[in-house]
C-alpha atoms as a PDB file:
ATOM      1  CA  UNK A   1      77.845  60.214  67.075  1.00  0.00           C
ATOM      2  CA  UNK A   2      78.716  63.645  65.694  1.00  0.00           C
ATOM      3  CA  UNK A   3      77.651  64.594  62.202  1.00  0.00           C
ATOM      4  CA  UNK A   4      80.519  65.415  59.820  1.00  0.00           C
ATOM      5  CA  UNK A   5      78.719  68.702  59.216  1.00  0.00           C
ATOM      6  CA  UNK A   6      78.567  69.590  62.918  1.00  0.00           C
ATOM      7  CA  UNK A   7      81.470  72.055  62.745  1.00  0.00           C
ATOM      8  CA  UNK A   8      79.927  73.782  59.744  1.00  0.00           C
ATOM      9  CA  UNK A   9      76.499  73.938  61.388  1.00  0.00           C
ATOM     10  CA  UNK A  10      77.980  75.417  64.543  1.00  0.00           C
ATOM     11  CA  UNK A  11      80.010  78.009  62.619  1.00  0.00           C
ATOM     12  CA  UNK A  12      77.138  79.120  60.364  1.00  0.00           C
ATOM     13  CA  UNK A  13      74.082  78.711  62.564  1.00  0.00           C
ATOM     14  CA  UNK A  14      71.443  81.414  62.151  1.00  0.00           C
ATOM     15  CA  UNK A  15      72.052  84.674  63.950  1.00  0.00           C
ATOM     16  CA  UNK A  16      70.239  84.971  67.272  1.00  0.00           C
ATOM     17  CA  UNK A  17      68.613  88.378  67.796  1.00  0.00           C
ATOM     18  CA  UNK A  18      67.957  89.013  71.508  1.00  0.00           C
ATOM     19  CA  UNK A  19      64.557  90.454  72.419  1.00  0.00           C
ATOM     20  CA  UNK A  20      66.021  92.717  75.107  1.00  0.00           C
ATOM     21  CA  UNK A  21      69.323  94.210  76.213  1.00  0.00           C
ATOM     22  CA  UNK A  22      71.197  92.237  78.855  1.00  0.00           C
ATOM     23  CA  UNK A  23      74.381  93.671  80.367  1.00  0.00           C
ATOM     24  CA  UNK A  24      75.531  90.115  81.167  1.00  0.00           C
ATOM     25  CA  UNK A  25      75.035  88.863  77.589  1.00  0.00           C
ATOM     26  CA  UNK A  26      77.872  88.475  75.102  1.00  0.00           C
ATOM     27  CA  UNK A  27      79.181  91.511  73.232  1.00  0.00           C
ATOM     28  CA  UNK A  28      77.849  90.031  70.001  1.00  0.00           C
ATOM     29  CA  UNK A  29      74.346  89.664  71.420  1.00  0.00           C
ATOM     30  CA  UNK A  30      74.331  93.267  72.618  1.00  0.00           C
ATOM     31  CA  UNK A  31      75.681  94.622  69.317  1.00  0.00           C
ATOM     32  CA  UNK A  32      73.059  92.623  67.400  1.00  0.00           C
ATOM     33  CA  UNK A  33      70.346  93.871  69.775  1.00  0.00           C
ATOM     34  CA  UNK A  34      71.435  97.491  69.219  1.00  0.00           C
ATOM     35  CA  UNK A  35      71.467  96.994  65.436  1.00  0.00           C
ATOM     36  CA  UNK A  36      67.994  95.467  65.598  1.00  0.00           C
ATOM     37  CA  UNK A  37      66.717  98.535  67.450  1.00  0.00           C
ATOM     38  CA  UNK A  38      68.138 100.836  64.771  1.00  0.00           C
ATOM     39  CA  UNK A  39      67.229  98.577  61.775  1.00  0.00           C
ATOM     40  CA  UNK A  40      69.903 100.175  59.508  1.00  0.00           C
ATOM     41  CA  UNK A  41      73.040 101.615  61.096  1.00  0.00           C
ATOM     42  CA  UNK A  42      76.760 102.198  60.854  1.00  0.00           C
ATOM     43  CA  UNK A  43      79.162 100.952  63.525  1.00  0.00           C
ATOM     44  CA  UNK A  44      79.328 104.427  65.173  1.00  0.00           C
ATOM     45  CA  UNK A  45      75.508 104.552  65.293  1.00  0.00           C
ATOM     46  CA  UNK A  46      75.385 101.102  66.893  1.00  0.00           C
ATOM     47  CA  UNK A  47      78.048 102.262  69.368  1.00  0.00           C
ATOM     48  CA  UNK A  48      75.859 105.270  70.217  1.00  0.00           C
ATOM     49  CA  UNK A  49      72.908 102.973  70.913  1.00  0.00           C
ATOM     50  CA  UNK A  50      75.126 100.787  73.112  1.00  0.00           C
ATOM     51  CA  UNK A  51      76.362 103.888  74.971  1.00  0.00           C
ATOM     52  CA  UNK A  52      72.766 104.765  75.822  1.00  0.00           C
ATOM     53  CA  UNK A  53      72.180 101.231  77.110  1.00  0.00           C
ATOM     54  CA  UNK A  54      75.500 101.000  78.937  1.00  0.00           C
ATOM     55  CA  UNK A  55      76.785 104.521  79.690  1.00  0.00           C
ATOM     56  CA  UNK A  56      79.528 103.334  82.058  1.00  0.00           C
ATOM     57  CA  UNK A  57      81.573 102.017  79.121  1.00  0.00           C
ATOM     58  CA  UNK A  58      83.600 104.477  77.025  1.00  0.00           C
ATOM     59  CA  UNK A  59      82.068 105.316  73.622  1.00  0.00           C
ATOM     60  CA  UNK A  60      85.370 104.517  71.856  1.00  0.00           C
ATOM     61  CA  UNK A  61      85.302 101.006  73.370  1.00  0.00           C
ATOM     62  CA  UNK A  62      81.684 100.538  72.207  1.00  0.00           C
ATOM     63  CA  UNK A  63      82.674 101.638  68.713  1.00  0.00           C
ATOM     64  CA  UNK A  64      85.666  99.289  68.606  1.00  0.00           C
ATOM     65  CA  UNK A  65      83.476  96.333  69.633  1.00  0.00           C
ATOM     66  CA  UNK A  66      80.696  97.311  67.230  1.00  0.00           C
ATOM     67  CA  UNK A  67      83.117  97.594  64.279  1.00  0.00           C
ATOM     68  CA  UNK A  68      84.779  94.251  64.998  1.00  0.00           C
ATOM     69  CA  UNK A  69      81.556  92.326  65.552  1.00  0.00           C
ATOM     70  CA  UNK A  70      79.578  93.852  62.685  1.00  0.00           C
ATOM     71  CA  UNK A  71      82.427  93.316  60.213  1.00  0.00           C
ATOM     72  CA  UNK A  72      82.839  89.716  61.388  1.00  0.00           C
ATOM     73  CA  UNK A  73      79.107  88.995  60.999  1.00  0.00           C
ATOM     74  CA  UNK A  74      79.079  90.723  57.599  1.00  0.00           C
ATOM     75  CA  UNK A  75      82.059  88.677  56.364  1.00  0.00           C
ATOM     76  CA  UNK A  76      80.302  85.465  57.444  1.00  0.00           C
ATOM     77  CA  UNK A  77      77.185  86.522  55.550  1.00  0.00           C
ATOM     78  CA  UNK A  78      75.012  86.654  58.670  1.00  0.00           C
ATOM     79  CA  UNK A  79      74.078  90.329  58.246  1.00  0.00           C
ATOM     80  CA  UNK A  80      73.941  92.606  55.223  1.00  0.00           C
ATOM     81  CA  UNK A  81      75.678  95.879  54.540  1.00  0.00           C
ATOM     82  CA  UNK A  82      76.222  98.355  51.736  1.00  0.00           C
ATOM     83  CA  UNK A  83      79.472  99.197  49.945  1.00  0.00           C
ATOM     84  CA  UNK A  84      79.892 102.737  51.258  1.00  0.00           C
ATOM     85  CA  UNK A  85      83.057 103.921  53.022  1.00  0.00           C
ATOM     86  CA  UNK A  86      81.166 103.820  56.345  1.00  0.00           C
ATOM     87  CA  UNK A  87      79.196 100.629  55.856  1.00  0.00           C
ATOM     88  CA  UNK A  88      75.565 100.667  56.939  1.00  0.00           C
ATOM     89  CA  UNK A  89      74.474  97.267  58.280  1.00  0.00           C
ATOM     90  CA  UNK A  90      71.078  95.629  58.618  1.00  0.00           C
ATOM     91  CA  UNK A  91      69.659  92.295  59.754  1.00  0.00           C
ATOM     92  CA  UNK A  92      67.724  91.651  56.524  1.00  0.00           C
ATOM     93  CA  UNK A  93      64.493  91.150  58.411  1.00  0.00           C
ATOM     94  CA  UNK A  94      61.376  90.745  56.300  1.00  0.00           C
ATOM     95  CA  UNK A  95      59.200  93.707  57.229  1.00  0.00           C
ATOM     96  CA  UNK A  96      56.269  93.230  54.858  1.00  0.00           C
ATOM     97  CA  UNK A  97      54.205  90.053  54.663  1.00  0.00           C
ATOM     98  CA  UNK A  98      54.086  88.014  51.502  1.00  0.00           C
ATOM     99  CA  UNK A  99      51.017  89.047  49.520  1.00  0.00           C
ATOM    100  CA  UNK A 100      50.894  85.841  47.492  1.00  0.00           C
ATOM    101  CA  UNK A 101      49.086  82.636  48.260  1.00  0.00           C
ATOM    102  CA  UNK A 102      50.064  78.999  48.272  1.00  0.00           C
ATOM    103  CA  UNK A 103      48.363  76.302  46.263  1.00  0.00           C
ATOM    104  CA  UNK A 104      46.646  73.539  48.170  1.00  0.00           C
ATOM    105  CA  UNK A 105      48.884  70.554  48.782  1.00  0.00           C
ATOM    106  CA  UNK A 106      46.249  67.927  47.974  1.00  0.00           C
END
C-alpha cells in the first residue's frame, strides 16, 4: 500500500550528488556533479566545467541546461544560492566538523 506522503517524498527527496562524471547519466546528475566540483558557482561557470567534461556539446547548450536545472533545484530548496543578478549556487555541504560533544544517552 502506498503512503499518502509518497508523492511528496518522491518530489522532495534529498539531492543525490554523483561521485564521478558519467556521460550517460541524467543532465541533472551531471550539472550537480559539476557544481560539486566547483563548490560555489554561477550557471556559466557550471557550464564551463561541463564543457571540459563533455567538449562535444556546445557551450551555449551546457549553459542553457545548467541555468534551467540549477534554478529548478534552487526553487525547490534543494540547493542554495545568493541574491545577486548572476546567482552563485552551492550544495550547502558541511565542510567543517562539529566541534561540540554529545551527552551520554544513559
